[in-house]
Protein backbone atom coordinates (compact mmCIF):
# COMPACT_ATOMS: atom_id res chain seq x y z
CA MET A 1 67.00 15.49 61.12
CA GLU A 2 68.88 17.82 58.74
CA SER A 3 69.71 14.91 56.42
CA ALA A 4 65.98 14.16 56.09
CA ARG A 5 65.39 17.78 55.15
CA ILE A 6 68.11 17.61 52.49
CA ILE A 7 66.53 14.46 51.06
CA TYR A 8 63.12 16.16 51.00
CA GLU A 9 64.49 19.24 49.28
CA THR A 10 66.24 17.04 46.71
CA VAL A 11 63.05 15.12 45.95
CA LEU A 12 61.05 18.36 45.81
CA GLY A 13 63.67 20.07 43.66
CA SER A 14 63.89 23.30 45.65
CA ARG A 15 64.84 24.70 49.03
CA VAL A 16 62.13 25.11 51.66
CA CYS A 17 61.84 27.48 54.58
CA ASP A 18 61.89 26.29 58.19
CA SER A 19 58.14 26.62 58.70
CA HIS A 20 57.42 24.59 55.54
CA TRP A 21 59.80 21.86 56.67
CA TRP A 22 58.24 21.83 60.16
CA ARG A 23 54.74 21.36 58.67
CA VAL A 24 55.91 18.62 56.29
CA ARG A 25 57.66 16.75 59.08
CA LYS A 26 54.61 17.05 61.34
CA ALA A 27 52.25 15.87 58.55
CA MET A 28 54.49 12.92 57.70
CA GLN A 29 54.69 11.86 61.34
CA SER A 30 50.91 12.04 61.71
CA ALA A 31 50.50 9.95 58.54
CA GLU A 32 53.16 7.53 59.87
CA LEU A 33 55.40 7.92 56.81
CA THR A 34 59.15 7.37 57.07
CA LEU A 35 61.49 10.33 56.63
CA ASP A 36 63.41 8.82 53.71
CA LYS A 37 63.36 9.20 49.93
CA LYS A 38 60.57 6.66 49.41
CA GLY A 39 58.46 8.22 52.16
CA PHE A 40 58.91 11.74 50.76
CA GLU A 41 58.00 10.61 47.23
CA LEU A 42 54.85 8.92 48.52
CA PHE A 43 54.01 11.99 50.61
CA LEU A 44 54.30 14.32 47.61
CA MET A 45 52.23 12.01 45.39
CA LEU A 46 49.49 11.61 47.98
CA ARG A 47 49.42 15.33 48.64
CA ASN A 48 49.12 16.07 44.92
CA ILE A 49 46.33 13.54 44.39
CA SER A 50 44.34 14.20 47.54
CA PRO A 51 45.37 17.34 49.43
CA ARG A 52 42.57 17.08 52.00
CA TYR A 53 42.84 13.44 53.02
CA PHE A 54 46.46 12.30 52.56
CA SER A 55 47.00 12.50 56.32
CA GLN A 56 44.66 9.51 56.73
CA TYR A 57 47.31 7.25 55.17
CA HIS A 58 48.13 5.55 58.48
CA LYS A 59 44.61 4.05 58.58
CA ILE A 60 45.06 2.14 55.30
CA LYS A 61 48.82 1.49 55.42
CA GLY A 62 48.43 -2.27 56.00
CA GLN A 63 46.03 -2.71 53.10
CA ILE A 64 48.43 -1.08 50.65
CA SER A 65 51.00 -3.87 51.01
CA LYS A 66 48.35 -6.45 50.10
CA ILE A 67 47.33 -4.47 47.03
CA GLU A 68 50.95 -4.07 45.89
CA SER A 69 51.25 -7.81 45.34
CA SER A 70 48.09 -7.95 43.21
CA ILE A 71 49.25 -5.02 41.05
CA GLY A 72 52.67 -6.50 40.30
CA GLU A 73 54.67 -4.11 38.10
CA GLY A 74 51.50 -2.35 36.97
CA CYS A 75 48.17 -2.94 35.25
CA THR A 76 45.74 -1.47 32.74
CA GLY A 77 42.97 0.92 33.66
CA GLU A 78 40.34 -1.83 33.28
CA GLN A 79 42.25 -4.15 35.60
CA PHE A 80 42.57 -1.37 38.14
CA ILE A 81 38.82 -0.71 38.11
CA THR A 82 38.23 -4.46 38.58
CA LEU A 83 40.61 -4.39 41.56
CA LEU A 84 38.70 -1.47 43.06
CA ASP A 85 35.42 -3.38 42.63
CA LYS A 86 36.91 -6.37 44.48
CA LEU A 87 37.86 -4.02 47.32
CA GLY A 88 34.31 -2.67 47.44
CA ILE A 89 35.26 0.75 46.10
CA THR A 90 32.84 2.10 43.50
CA PRO A 91 33.68 5.74 42.83
CA ASN A 92 32.07 7.94 40.22
CA GLN A 93 33.88 8.23 36.86
CA SER A 94 34.74 11.87 37.60
CA THR A 95 36.40 10.80 40.85
CA ILE A 96 38.53 8.26 39.01
CA SER A 97 39.49 10.90 36.45
CA ARG A 98 40.52 13.26 39.24
CA TRP A 99 42.67 10.56 40.84
CA PHE A 100 44.46 9.90 37.55
CA LYS A 101 44.94 13.58 36.71
CA THR A 102 48.61 13.49 37.72
CA ALA A 103 49.12 10.36 35.57
CA GLY A 104 47.93 12.13 32.42
CA GLY A 105 44.29 11.11 32.77
CA PHE A 106 42.50 7.78 32.96
CA LYS A 107 42.20 5.46 29.98
CA ALA A 108 40.87 1.92 30.31
CA LYS A 109 43.36 0.45 27.82
CA SER A 110 46.43 2.33 29.12
CA PHE A 111 49.06 0.59 31.21
CA TYR A 112 49.95 2.27 34.50
CA ALA A 113 53.13 1.53 36.43
CA LYS A 114 53.11 0.43 40.05
CA GLN A 115 54.66 3.76 41.14
CA VAL A 116 51.64 5.60 39.72
CA LEU A 117 49.01 3.17 41.03
CA ILE A 118 50.13 2.85 44.67
CA PRO A 119 49.31 6.47 45.63
CA ILE A 120 46.03 6.21 43.71
CA CYS A 121 45.19 2.99 45.58
CA ALA A 122 45.95 4.78 48.84
CA VAL A 123 43.61 7.61 47.91
CA ALA A 124 40.93 5.08 46.86
CA LEU A 125 41.16 3.31 50.23
CA ILE A 126 41.01 6.63 52.07
CA TYR A 127 37.99 7.52 49.91
CA LYS A 128 36.34 4.23 50.92
CA SER A 129 36.89 4.85 54.64
CA LYS A 130 35.66 8.43 54.27
CA VAL A 131 32.48 7.26 52.50
CA GLN A 132 31.87 4.58 55.14
CA ASN A 133 32.36 7.08 57.96
CA SER A 134 29.94 9.48 56.25
CA GLN A 135 27.31 6.73 55.94
CA LEU A 136 27.76 5.73 59.58
CA SER A 137 27.34 9.31 60.74
CA LYS A 138 24.11 9.61 58.74
CA ILE A 139 22.76 6.44 60.36
CA GLY A 140 23.70 7.67 63.84
CA ALA A 141 22.13 11.08 63.36
């Protein structure tokens, strides 16, 4: 387990205290992320983009692999919005801007690499499930 902590600290770029590491490990296990370099990078990206809902990643994990193939090495902002429409995700423009904040902002003509888009796709899918759950709870009430 110490080697995983060393990898995390290397990816993060600083040392962390025991309680921080315990919380990170617990959050990653609940989100069903692997304790390796790729898992830590994804964890940090998701946490930066959506601090409240990144722990819901395990619910949409299977859908991400399908989206990865359609993205290829990356796509433009317009193509990404089209992909979201195909998935039934229609967020407000301000929501899209917030998602792309860590990528330097959203521009329809800009090209975004796969590494940038995968965490944003994950957040978009979590957003979709959150919106659907909210609508279902309103119907049931």
